Amino acid sequence: MTNEGTIDRAIRIVLGLGLLSLVFIGPQTPIGYVGVVPLATGILGFCPAYRLLGLRTGGAAKK
């Protein structure tokens, strides 16, 4: 069950990796751990917030 399109997933993965890099490279701030959320949702293809709001960025729903 996915509710994210391919482009949405790719953006989330890149954004998640970028935020996580802040933990190890650059300012080395723990706020970068927020990147786990978009990374996980991008890998899984499912966003709980989209489900609550009734949004889908990937094609038609499969039945």
N, C-alpha and C. Protein backbone atom coordinates (compact mmCIF):
# COMPACT_ATOMS: atom_id res chain seq x y z
N MET A 1 0.85 -1.17 0.00
CA MET A 1 0.00 0.00 0.00
C MET A 1 0.89 1.23 0.00
N THR A 2 0.86 1.95 -1.08
CA THR A 2 1.65 3.18 -1.19
C THR A 2 0.74 4.34 -1.53
N ASN A 3 1.10 5.52 -1.10
CA ASN A 3 0.34 6.71 -1.44
C ASN A 3 1.25 7.83 -1.93
N GLU A 4 2.46 7.46 -2.34
CA GLU A 4 3.42 8.43 -2.86
C GLU A 4 3.84 8.04 -4.27
N GLY A 5 3.98 9.04 -5.12
CA GLY A 5 4.45 8.80 -6.47
C GLY A 5 5.97 8.68 -6.50
N THR A 6 6.49 8.33 -7.65
CA THR A 6 7.93 8.12 -7.82
C THR A 6 8.74 9.39 -7.55
N ILE A 7 8.28 10.50 -8.09
CA ILE A 7 9.01 11.76 -7.90
C ILE A 7 8.96 12.18 -6.44
N ASP A 8 7.80 12.04 -5.81
CA ASP A 8 7.64 12.37 -4.39
C ASP A 8 8.59 11.52 -3.54
N ARG A 9 8.67 10.24 -3.85
CA ARG A 9 9.56 9.34 -3.09
C ARG A 9 11.02 9.75 -3.27
N ALA A 10 11.41 10.07 -4.49
CA ALA A 10 12.80 10.46 -4.76
C ALA A 10 13.16 11.73 -4.01
N ILE A 11 12.25 12.71 -4.01
CA ILE A 11 12.50 13.97 -3.31
C ILE A 11 12.65 13.71 -1.81
N ARG A 12 11.79 12.87 -1.26
CA ARG A 12 11.85 12.57 0.18
C ARG A 12 13.17 11.87 0.54
N ILE A 13 13.62 10.96 -0.28
CA ILE A 13 14.87 10.25 0.00
C ILE A 13 16.05 11.20 -0.04
N VAL A 14 16.11 12.05 -1.06
CA VAL A 14 17.21 13.02 -1.18
C VAL A 14 17.17 14.01 -0.01
N LEU A 15 15.98 14.50 0.32
CA LEU A 15 15.84 15.43 1.44
C LEU A 15 16.25 14.77 2.75
N GLY A 16 15.82 13.53 2.96
CA GLY A 16 16.17 12.80 4.19
C GLY A 16 17.66 12.60 4.32
N LEU A 17 18.30 12.19 3.23
CA LEU A 17 19.75 11.99 3.26
C LEU A 17 20.47 13.32 3.49
N GLY A 18 19.96 14.38 2.88
CA GLY A 18 20.56 15.71 3.08
C GLY A 18 20.48 16.16 4.53
N LEU A 19 19.32 15.97 5.14
CA LEU A 19 19.17 16.35 6.54
C LEU A 19 20.03 15.49 7.46
N LEU A 20 20.08 14.19 7.18
CA LEU A 20 20.91 13.30 8.00
C LEU A 20 22.39 13.64 7.88
N SER A 21 22.80 14.16 6.74
CA SER A 21 24.20 14.53 6.57
C SER A 21 24.60 15.67 7.51
N LEU A 22 23.62 16.46 7.96
CA LEU A 22 23.91 17.55 8.90
C LEU A 22 24.38 17.02 10.25
N VAL A 23 24.07 15.77 10.54
CA VAL A 23 24.50 15.18 11.81
C VAL A 23 25.99 14.85 11.77
N PHE A 24 26.48 14.45 10.61
CA PHE A 24 27.86 13.97 10.50
C PHE A 24 28.79 14.96 9.81
N ILE A 25 28.24 15.76 8.88
CA ILE A 25 29.05 16.69 8.09
C ILE A 25 28.49 18.09 8.30
N GLY A 26 29.27 19.08 8.15
CA GLY A 26 28.79 20.45 8.27
C GLY A 26 28.66 20.89 9.72
N PRO A 27 27.51 21.46 10.08
CA PRO A 27 27.39 22.01 11.43
C PRO A 27 27.28 20.95 12.53
N GLN A 28 27.12 19.71 12.16
CA GLN A 28 27.02 18.58 13.10
C GLN A 28 26.00 18.86 14.19
N THR A 29 24.79 19.13 13.76
CA THR A 29 23.70 19.42 14.67
C THR A 29 22.74 18.23 14.77
N PRO A 30 22.24 17.94 15.95
CA PRO A 30 21.32 16.80 16.10
C PRO A 30 19.96 17.03 15.44
N ILE A 31 19.66 18.25 15.02
CA ILE A 31 18.39 18.52 14.34
C ILE A 31 18.32 17.74 13.02
N GLY A 32 19.46 17.32 12.51
CA GLY A 32 19.50 16.54 11.28
C GLY A 32 18.82 15.19 11.38
N TYR A 33 18.62 14.70 12.60
CA TYR A 33 17.93 13.42 12.77
C TYR A 33 16.47 13.48 12.32
N VAL A 34 15.96 14.68 12.10
CA VAL A 34 14.62 14.85 11.55
C VAL A 34 14.57 14.20 10.15
N GLY A 35 15.70 14.09 9.50
CA GLY A 35 15.78 13.48 8.17
C GLY A 35 15.38 12.03 8.13
N VAL A 36 15.29 11.38 9.27
CA VAL A 36 14.86 9.98 9.31
C VAL A 36 13.42 9.86 8.82
N VAL A 37 12.59 10.84 9.12
CA VAL A 37 11.17 10.77 8.75
C VAL A 37 10.99 10.78 7.23
N PRO A 38 11.49 11.79 6.50
CA PRO A 38 11.30 11.74 5.05
C PRO A 38 12.03 10.57 4.39
N LEU A 39 13.17 10.17 4.95
CA LEU A 39 13.88 9.04 4.38
C LEU A 39 13.05 7.76 4.53
N ALA A 40 12.50 7.53 5.70
CA ALA A 40 11.69 6.33 5.93
C ALA A 40 10.42 6.33 5.07
N THR A 41 9.74 7.47 5.00
CA THR A 41 8.51 7.51 4.20
C THR A 41 8.82 7.37 2.71
N GLY A 42 9.96 7.89 2.29
CA GLY A 42 10.35 7.75 0.89
C GLY A 42 10.70 6.31 0.54
N ILE A 43 11.37 5.63 1.43
CA ILE A 43 11.74 4.23 1.17
C ILE A 43 10.50 3.34 1.20
N LEU A 44 9.63 3.57 2.18
CA LEU A 44 8.42 2.75 2.31
C LEU A 44 7.34 3.10 1.28
N GLY A 45 7.35 4.35 0.81
CA GLY A 45 6.34 4.77 -0.16
C GLY A 45 5.00 5.08 0.48
N PHE A 46 4.97 5.21 1.78
CA PHE A 46 3.73 5.46 2.51
C PHE A 46 3.93 6.61 3.48
N CYS A 47 3.04 7.59 3.43
CA CYS A 47 3.09 8.74 4.34
C CYS A 47 1.81 8.79 5.16
N PRO A 48 1.92 8.62 6.48
CA PRO A 48 0.72 8.65 7.32
C PRO A 48 -0.04 9.98 7.23
N ALA A 49 0.66 11.09 7.07
CA ALA A 49 0.00 12.40 6.95
C ALA A 49 -0.85 12.45 5.69
N TYR A 50 -0.36 11.89 4.60
CA TYR A 50 -1.15 11.84 3.37
C TYR A 50 -2.42 11.04 3.60
N ARG A 51 -2.31 9.96 4.33
CA ARG A 51 -3.48 9.11 4.61
C ARG A 51 -4.52 9.89 5.41
N LEU A 52 -4.08 10.62 6.43
CA LEU A 52 -5.02 11.41 7.24
C LEU A 52 -5.71 12.50 6.42
N LEU A 53 -4.96 13.09 5.50
CA LEU A 53 -5.51 14.18 4.69
C LEU A 53 -6.19 13.70 3.41
N GLY A 54 -6.10 12.39 3.12
CA GLY A 54 -6.72 11.84 1.93
C GLY A 54 -5.99 12.19 0.64
N LEU A 55 -4.69 12.41 0.71
CA LEU A 55 -3.89 12.77 -0.46
C LEU A 55 -3.21 11.55 -1.06
N ARG A 56 -2.95 11.61 -2.37
CA ARG A 56 -2.17 10.61 -3.08
C ARG A 56 -1.36 11.31 -4.15
N THR A 57 -0.08 11.02 -4.25
CA THR A 57 0.72 11.61 -5.34
C THR A 57 1.07 10.55 -6.37
N GLY A 58 0.74 9.32 -6.11
CA GLY A 58 0.99 8.25 -7.07
C GLY A 58 -0.31 7.88 -7.74
N GLY A 59 -0.40 7.54 -8.92
CA GLY A 59 -1.58 7.18 -9.71
C GLY A 59 -2.84 6.79 -8.97
N ALA A 60 -3.67 6.03 -9.64
CA ALA A 60 -4.97 5.61 -9.10
C ALA A 60 -4.79 4.56 -8.01
N ALA A 61 -5.75 4.50 -7.11
CA ALA A 61 -5.72 3.53 -6.01
C ALA A 61 -5.95 2.13 -6.57
N LYS A 62 -5.20 1.17 -6.09
CA LYS A 62 -5.35 -0.23 -6.50
C LYS A 62 -6.43 -0.89 -5.65
N LYS A 63 -7.27 -1.67 -6.29
CA LYS A 63 -8.32 -2.36 -5.55
C LYS A 63 -8.19 -3.84 -5.66
